[in-house]
């Protein structure tokens, strides 16, 4: 398993540009992004979810572990 840093950004109607970073463990990038996306959307209310669905930007990078 690898550690990934998944960053989400969207335009919130009340707070303006919003950036959230989630640390996720997964075997591949698509697996870790989907797990992080589920966790990210569970933390939003209805209006924030609507705003995020209109224009969500996702970026993901693999974090280097001590053994590499």
N, C-alpha and C. Protein backbone atom coordinates (compact mmCIF):
# COMPACT_ATOMS: atom_id res chain seq x y z
N UNK A 1 0.84 -1.18 0.00
CA UNK A 1 0.00 0.00 0.00
C UNK A 1 0.89 1.25 0.00
N UNK A 2 0.43 2.26 -0.70
CA UNK A 2 1.16 3.51 -0.81
C UNK A 2 0.34 4.63 -0.17
N UNK A 3 1.01 5.68 0.23
CA UNK A 3 0.34 6.85 0.78
C UNK A 3 0.25 7.93 -0.29
N UNK A 4 -0.93 8.52 -0.42
CA UNK A 4 -1.18 9.56 -1.40
C UNK A 4 -1.74 10.79 -0.72
N UNK A 5 -1.46 11.94 -1.29
CA UNK A 5 -2.02 13.20 -0.85
C UNK A 5 -2.99 13.67 -1.94
N UNK A 6 -4.28 13.70 -1.62
CA UNK A 6 -5.30 14.08 -2.59
C UNK A 6 -5.83 15.46 -2.21
N UNK A 7 -5.77 16.40 -3.16
CA UNK A 7 -6.21 17.78 -2.90
C UNK A 7 -7.46 18.08 -3.72
N UNK A 8 -8.47 18.62 -3.04
CA UNK A 8 -9.72 19.01 -3.68
C UNK A 8 -9.85 20.52 -3.57
N UNK A 9 -10.33 21.16 -4.63
CA UNK A 9 -10.62 22.59 -4.57
C UNK A 9 -11.88 22.87 -5.36
N UNK A 10 -12.69 23.76 -4.80
CA UNK A 10 -13.94 24.17 -5.45
C UNK A 10 -14.32 25.56 -4.97
N UNK A 11 -15.27 26.18 -5.62
CA UNK A 11 -15.73 27.53 -5.30
C UNK A 11 -16.98 27.43 -4.43
N UNK A 12 -16.84 27.77 -3.16
CA UNK A 12 -17.96 27.75 -2.22
C UNK A 12 -18.71 29.07 -2.31
N UNK A 13 -20.03 29.03 -2.29
CA UNK A 13 -20.81 30.26 -2.44
C UNK A 13 -20.66 31.20 -1.25
N UNK A 14 -20.36 30.68 -0.06
CA UNK A 14 -20.24 31.52 1.12
C UNK A 14 -18.79 31.89 1.43
N UNK A 15 -17.87 30.94 1.26
CA UNK A 15 -16.48 31.15 1.67
C UNK A 15 -15.52 31.43 0.53
N UNK A 16 -15.98 31.38 -0.69
CA UNK A 16 -15.09 31.59 -1.83
C UNK A 16 -14.30 30.32 -2.14
N UNK A 17 -13.09 30.47 -2.68
CA UNK A 17 -12.29 29.29 -3.04
C UNK A 17 -11.97 28.45 -1.80
N UNK A 18 -12.23 27.16 -1.88
CA UNK A 18 -12.01 26.25 -0.77
C UNK A 18 -11.06 25.14 -1.21
N UNK A 19 -10.07 24.86 -0.38
CA UNK A 19 -9.08 23.83 -0.67
C UNK A 19 -9.04 22.85 0.50
N UNK A 20 -9.11 21.56 0.20
CA UNK A 20 -9.07 20.52 1.22
C UNK A 20 -8.05 19.48 0.80
N UNK A 21 -7.21 19.07 1.73
CA UNK A 21 -6.22 18.03 1.45
C UNK A 21 -6.52 16.82 2.32
N UNK A 22 -6.58 15.64 1.69
CA UNK A 22 -6.86 14.40 2.39
C UNK A 22 -5.70 13.45 2.16
N UNK A 23 -5.18 12.88 3.23
CA UNK A 23 -4.14 11.86 3.13
C UNK A 23 -4.86 10.51 3.06
N UNK A 24 -4.50 9.70 2.05
CA UNK A 24 -5.20 8.44 1.84
C UNK A 24 -4.21 7.34 1.50
N UNK A 25 -4.50 6.15 1.94
CA UNK A 25 -3.68 4.98 1.63
C UNK A 25 -4.42 4.15 0.60
N UNK A 26 -3.68 3.66 -0.40
CA UNK A 26 -4.29 2.83 -1.43
C UNK A 26 -3.23 2.17 -2.28
N UNK A 27 -3.67 1.19 -3.07
CA UNK A 27 -2.72 0.46 -3.91
C UNK A 27 -2.38 1.23 -5.19
N UNK A 28 -3.35 2.00 -5.72
CA UNK A 28 -3.14 2.79 -6.92
C UNK A 28 -3.76 4.17 -6.74
N UNK A 29 -3.45 5.07 -7.65
CA UNK A 29 -4.00 6.42 -7.58
C UNK A 29 -5.54 6.41 -7.70
N UNK A 30 -6.14 5.70 -8.66
CA UNK A 30 -7.61 5.71 -8.74
C UNK A 30 -8.29 5.20 -7.47
N UNK A 31 -7.71 4.20 -6.83
CA UNK A 31 -8.29 3.67 -5.60
C UNK A 31 -8.21 4.71 -4.49
N UNK A 32 -7.08 5.34 -4.34
CA UNK A 32 -6.93 6.33 -3.27
C UNK A 32 -7.78 7.57 -3.52
N UNK A 33 -7.91 8.00 -4.78
CA UNK A 33 -8.74 9.17 -5.09
C UNK A 33 -10.21 8.86 -4.80
N UNK A 34 -10.68 7.67 -5.16
CA UNK A 34 -12.09 7.34 -4.91
C UNK A 34 -12.38 7.24 -3.42
N UNK A 35 -11.46 6.67 -2.64
CA UNK A 35 -11.65 6.60 -1.19
C UNK A 35 -11.67 8.00 -0.58
N UNK A 36 -10.74 8.86 -1.01
CA UNK A 36 -10.67 10.22 -0.49
C UNK A 36 -11.90 11.03 -0.90
N UNK A 37 -12.39 10.80 -2.12
CA UNK A 37 -13.57 11.52 -2.61
C UNK A 37 -14.80 11.17 -1.78
N UNK A 38 -14.97 9.90 -1.46
CA UNK A 38 -16.09 9.49 -0.61
C UNK A 38 -16.01 10.17 0.76
N UNK A 39 -14.83 10.16 1.35
CA UNK A 39 -14.66 10.80 2.66
C UNK A 39 -14.88 12.31 2.58
N UNK A 40 -14.42 12.94 1.50
CA UNK A 40 -14.59 14.38 1.31
C UNK A 40 -16.07 14.76 1.20
N UNK A 41 -16.83 14.04 0.39
CA UNK A 41 -18.25 14.38 0.19
C UNK A 41 -19.10 14.07 1.42
N UNK A 42 -18.70 13.12 2.25
CA UNK A 42 -19.45 12.84 3.48
C UNK A 42 -19.38 14.01 4.44
N UNK A 43 -18.33 14.80 4.37
CA UNK A 43 -18.15 15.93 5.27
C UNK A 43 -18.82 17.22 4.81
N UNK A 44 -19.47 17.21 3.65
CA UNK A 44 -20.10 18.43 3.13
C UNK A 44 -21.60 18.42 3.38
N UNK A 45 -22.19 19.61 3.51
CA UNK A 45 -23.64 19.69 3.58
C UNK A 45 -24.22 19.78 2.17
N UNK A 46 -25.51 19.91 2.05
CA UNK A 46 -26.18 19.85 0.75
C UNK A 46 -25.73 20.96 -0.19
N UNK A 47 -25.63 22.19 0.29
CA UNK A 47 -25.23 23.32 -0.57
C UNK A 47 -23.77 23.24 -0.97
N UNK A 48 -22.92 22.82 -0.05
CA UNK A 48 -21.50 22.66 -0.38
C UNK A 48 -21.32 21.54 -1.40
N UNK A 49 -22.08 20.47 -1.27
CA UNK A 49 -22.01 19.36 -2.23
C UNK A 49 -22.42 19.83 -3.61
N UNK A 50 -23.45 20.65 -3.69
CA UNK A 50 -23.89 21.19 -4.97
C UNK A 50 -22.81 22.06 -5.59
N UNK A 51 -22.18 22.93 -4.78
CA UNK A 51 -21.11 23.79 -5.28
C UNK A 51 -19.92 22.96 -5.76
N UNK A 52 -19.57 21.92 -5.02
CA UNK A 52 -18.44 21.07 -5.39
C UNK A 52 -18.74 20.30 -6.68
N UNK A 53 -19.98 19.89 -6.87
CA UNK A 53 -20.35 19.16 -8.09
C UNK A 53 -20.26 20.04 -9.33
N UNK A 54 -20.41 21.35 -9.17
CA UNK A 54 -20.34 22.26 -10.32
C UNK A 54 -18.93 22.43 -10.84
N UNK A 55 -17.93 22.36 -9.97
CA UNK A 55 -16.57 22.58 -10.44
C UNK A 55 -15.54 22.11 -9.45
N UNK A 56 -15.33 20.83 -9.36
CA UNK A 56 -14.37 20.26 -8.44
C UNK A 56 -13.07 19.96 -9.17
N UNK A 57 -11.96 20.41 -8.61
CA UNK A 57 -10.64 20.14 -9.16
C UNK A 57 -9.93 19.17 -8.22
N UNK A 58 -9.40 18.07 -8.77
CA UNK A 58 -8.75 17.05 -7.98
C UNK A 58 -7.31 16.92 -8.44
N UNK A 59 -6.38 16.92 -7.49
CA UNK A 59 -4.98 16.63 -7.80
C UNK A 59 -4.46 15.63 -6.78
N UNK A 60 -3.63 14.72 -7.23
CA UNK A 60 -3.14 13.66 -6.37
C UNK A 60 -1.65 13.46 -6.59
N UNK A 61 -0.94 13.24 -5.50
CA UNK A 61 0.48 12.95 -5.61
C UNK A 61 0.85 11.87 -4.59
N UNK A 62 1.80 11.05 -4.97
CA UNK A 62 2.25 9.98 -4.10
C UNK A 62 3.29 10.53 -3.14
N UNK A 63 3.14 10.20 -1.87
CA UNK A 63 4.10 10.65 -0.87
C UNK A 63 5.21 9.62 -0.76
N UNK A 64 6.42 10.09 -0.65
CA UNK A 64 7.56 9.20 -0.52
C UNK A 64 7.59 8.61 0.88
N UNK A 65 7.81 7.32 0.95
CA UNK A 65 7.92 6.67 2.26
C UNK A 65 9.37 6.58 2.66
N UNK A 66 9.64 6.24 3.91
CA UNK A 66 11.00 6.20 4.42
C UNK A 66 11.83 5.09 3.75
N UNK A 67 11.19 4.01 3.30
CA UNK A 67 11.90 2.90 2.72
C UNK A 67 12.31 3.08 1.27
N UNK A 68 11.87 4.16 0.63
CA UNK A 68 12.14 4.34 -0.80
C UNK A 68 13.32 5.24 -1.04
